[in-house]
C-alpha cells in the first residue's frame, strides 16, 4: 500500500499506474482488432486477384481454341502446332494454348499477363502464375495445365486455383 501511495504522490495530478496500464491494454486491443481486419482484407483482395486471373486464363484459352476452330490452318486434332491467329503466333496442343516452351518463352504467360503475378513453367505441360505479394506466393497461384499430347483423355486444359498461401 505504501508503494502505491508513493507512486500516486509521484504522479500527483496525473494518472495512476493502474489507469495507465488499463489504457495501454485498451489501445493494444484496438490495435490487434485493426491488424486482424487489415489481414482479412488483404487475404480477401488476394483471393479476388487469384479468382480474376483464373477467369482470365479460362477466357483466353477458350478464345484461342474458338479461333482455332474457325481458322483454316489450325487443326484441333494436332497434338502440336504453331499457328498465327490475328497476327500472333500461338503454340497449340489439340487447339488449346500450350504451357510448354516451343516458342522459347512460356507461351501462356506471353498471352496472359497480370500485374502482381509472376509466371513460371513448372513442367512441359504446366504454368503457375504466383501472386508475388502473397504471404506464400507458390501457394497463392493459378495453375494452367494444357492438353499436351493426350486428346483421348478429354482433359483439354485445366485451370486450378491454389489459395492456401493467400
Protein backbone atom coordinates (compact mmCIF):
# COMPACT_ATOMS: atom_id res chain seq x y z
CA UNK A 1 0.00 0.00 0.00
CA UNK A 2 2.86 2.31 0.83
CA UNK A 3 4.28 1.74 -2.70
CA UNK A 4 1.05 2.73 -4.42
CA UNK A 5 0.82 5.87 -2.28
CA UNK A 6 4.36 6.81 -3.33
CA UNK A 7 3.54 6.24 -6.99
CA UNK A 8 0.37 8.30 -6.60
CA UNK A 9 2.33 11.09 -4.96
CA UNK A 10 4.99 10.83 -7.68
CA UNK A 11 2.42 11.17 -10.43
CA UNK A 12 0.46 13.75 -8.41
CA UNK A 13 -2.14 15.24 -10.65
CA UNK A 14 -1.55 12.64 -13.42
CA UNK A 15 -2.87 9.12 -13.82
CA UNK A 16 -2.24 6.19 -11.52
CA UNK A 17 -0.22 3.22 -12.79
CA UNK A 18 -3.38 1.12 -12.88
CA UNK A 19 -5.11 3.67 -15.08
CA UNK A 20 -2.10 3.83 -17.41
CA UNK A 21 -1.99 0.02 -17.67
CA UNK A 22 -5.72 -0.08 -18.40
CA UNK A 23 -5.35 2.50 -21.21
CA UNK A 24 -2.38 0.59 -22.65
CA UNK A 25 -4.39 -2.65 -22.61
CA UNK A 26 -7.32 -0.99 -24.38
CA UNK A 27 -5.08 0.54 -27.05
CA UNK A 28 -3.42 -2.84 -27.58
CA UNK A 29 -6.81 -4.50 -28.04
CA UNK A 30 -7.89 -1.88 -30.58
CA UNK A 31 -4.57 -2.23 -32.46
CA UNK A 32 -4.99 -6.02 -32.56
CA UNK A 33 -8.52 -5.71 -33.96
CA UNK A 34 -7.36 -3.28 -36.65
CA UNK A 35 -4.47 -5.57 -37.58
CA UNK A 36 -6.78 -8.59 -37.84
CA UNK A 37 -9.21 -6.65 -40.03
CA UNK A 38 -6.45 -5.46 -42.37
CA UNK A 39 -5.08 -9.02 -42.60
CA UNK A 40 -8.54 -10.32 -43.52
CA UNK A 41 -8.95 -7.55 -46.09
CA UNK A 42 -5.55 -8.38 -47.63
CA UNK A 43 -6.47 -12.06 -47.87
CA UNK A 44 -9.78 -11.16 -49.49
CA UNK A 45 -8.00 -8.97 -52.07
CA UNK A 46 -5.52 -11.78 -52.78
CA UNK A 47 -8.32 -14.31 -53.24
CA UNK A 48 -10.15 -11.96 -55.61
CA UNK A 49 -6.95 -11.44 -57.63
CA UNK A 50 -6.48 -15.20 -57.99
CA UNK A 51 -10.15 -15.65 -59.00
CA UNK A 52 -9.88 -12.88 -61.59
CA UNK A 53 -6.72 -14.31 -63.12
CA UNK A 54 -8.19 -17.83 -63.22
CA UNK A 55 -11.21 -16.46 -65.10
CA UNK A 56 -8.94 -14.54 -67.50
CA UNK A 57 -6.86 -17.66 -68.23
CA UNK A 58 -10.05 -19.68 -68.91
CA UNK A 59 -11.39 -16.92 -71.16
CA UNK A 60 -8.11 -16.60 -73.09
CA UNK A 61 -7.73 -20.33 -73.68
CA UNK A 62 -11.35 -20.66 -74.77
CA UNK A 63 -10.97 -17.68 -77.10
CA UNK A 64 -7.85 -19.09 -78.77
CA UNK A 65 -9.50 -22.50 -79.05
CA UNK A 66 -12.56 -20.93 -80.71
CA UNK A 67 -10.34 -19.01 -83.14
CA UNK A 68 -8.53 -22.25 -83.95
CA UNK A 69 -11.83 -23.90 -84.94
CA UNK A 70 -12.54 -21.05 -87.35
CA UNK A 71 -9.05 -20.73 -88.86
CA UNK A 72 -8.31 -22.89 -91.94
CA UNK A 73 -4.66 -23.51 -90.95
CA UNK A 74 -5.48 -24.65 -87.43
CA UNK A 75 -6.04 -28.35 -86.78
CA UNK A 76 -7.68 -29.05 -83.43
CA UNK A 77 -6.71 -32.71 -83.69
CA UNK A 78 -3.00 -31.92 -84.00
CA UNK A 79 -1.04 -32.64 -80.81
CA UNK A 80 1.44 -29.85 -81.52
CA UNK A 81 1.41 -26.93 -83.92
CA UNK A 82 2.36 -23.27 -84.31
CA UNK A 83 -0.43 -21.15 -85.73
CA UNK A 84 -0.72 -17.43 -86.44
CA UNK A 85 -4.08 -16.07 -85.39
CA UNK A 86 -4.76 -12.33 -85.61
CA UNK A 87 -1.06 -11.59 -86.14
CA UNK A 88 0.13 -13.51 -83.06
CA UNK A 89 1.82 -16.88 -83.09
CA UNK A 90 0.41 -19.47 -80.73
CA UNK A 91 1.81 -22.87 -79.81
CA UNK A 92 -1.21 -25.13 -79.56
CA UNK A 93 -1.86 -28.67 -78.40
CA UNK A 94 -5.11 -30.04 -79.79
CA UNK A 95 -6.23 -26.46 -80.35
CA UNK A 96 -5.54 -25.35 -76.79
CA UNK A 97 -2.79 -22.99 -75.64
CA UNK A 98 0.47 -24.72 -74.83
CA UNK A 99 2.01 -24.25 -71.41
CA UNK A 100 5.33 -25.57 -72.71
CA UNK A 101 8.29 -23.82 -74.25
CA UNK A 102 8.12 -24.41 -78.03
CA UNK A 103 8.47 -20.68 -78.75
CA UNK A 104 11.39 -20.31 -76.29
CA UNK A 105 9.04 -18.47 -73.96
CA UNK A 106 6.40 -19.75 -71.67
CA UNK A 107 3.52 -19.45 -74.17
CA UNK A 108 0.61 -18.99 -71.82
CA UNK A 109 2.25 -16.16 -69.89
CA UNK A 110 3.05 -14.36 -73.15
CA UNK A 111 -0.68 -14.14 -73.81
CA UNK A 112 -1.99 -13.83 -70.25
CA UNK A 113 -0.22 -11.13 -68.28
CA UNK A 114 -1.43 -9.83 -64.97
CA UNK A 115 0.08 -7.19 -62.73
CA UNK A 116 1.28 -8.65 -59.48
CA UNK A 117 1.66 -12.20 -60.77
CA UNK A 118 4.82 -13.98 -61.85
CA UNK A 119 4.56 -16.86 -64.32
CA UNK A 120 6.80 -19.89 -64.10
CA UNK A 121 6.99 -23.05 -66.16
CA UNK A 122 6.50 -25.89 -63.66
CA UNK A 123 6.99 -28.60 -66.29
CA UNK A 124 6.36 -29.07 -70.01
CA UNK A 125 2.59 -29.03 -69.51
CA UNK A 126 2.05 -26.72 -66.55
CA UNK A 127 2.38 -22.99 -65.93
CA UNK A 128 1.91 -21.46 -62.49
CA UNK A 129 1.05 -17.78 -62.00
CA UNK A 130 2.17 -16.84 -58.47
CA UNK A 131 0.81 -13.79 -56.65
CA UNK A 132 4.04 -12.05 -55.68
CA UNK A 133 2.59 -10.06 -52.75
CA UNK A 134 1.02 -13.12 -51.07
CA UNK A 135 2.46 -14.47 -47.82
CA UNK A 136 3.28 -17.73 -49.66
CA UNK A 137 3.32 -16.96 -53.42
CA UNK A 138 3.82 -20.58 -54.52
CA UNK A 139 0.56 -21.47 -52.77
CA UNK A 140 -1.39 -18.41 -53.85
CA UNK A 141 -1.49 -19.10 -57.53
CA UNK A 142 -3.37 -20.01 -60.68
CA UNK A 143 -2.14 -23.20 -62.33
CA UNK A 144 -2.70 -23.93 -66.02
CA UNK A 145 -2.33 -27.49 -67.35
CA UNK A 146 -2.50 -27.81 -71.13
CA UNK A 147 -3.82 -30.59 -73.36
CA UNK A 148 -0.33 -31.83 -74.25
CA UNK A 149 -0.49 -34.94 -76.44
CA UNK A 150 -3.45 -36.66 -74.82
CA UNK A 151 -6.56 -35.78 -76.85
CA UNK A 152 -8.22 -39.07 -75.93
CA UNK A 153 -8.23 -38.16 -72.25
CA UNK A 154 -10.71 -35.32 -72.85
CA UNK A 155 -8.63 -33.34 -70.38
CA UNK A 156 -8.05 -30.42 -72.71
CA UNK A 157 -6.92 -27.89 -70.17
CA UNK A 158 -7.43 -27.32 -66.52
CA UNK A 159 -7.21 -24.06 -64.63
CA UNK A 160 -6.70 -24.63 -60.92
CA UNK A 161 -6.52 -22.20 -58.04
CA UNK A 162 -4.31 -22.78 -55.02
CA UNK A 163 -5.24 -20.30 -52.31
CA UNK A 164 -3.73 -21.91 -49.21
CA UNK A 165 -0.95 -19.31 -49.15
CA UNK A 166 -3.07 -16.23 -49.77
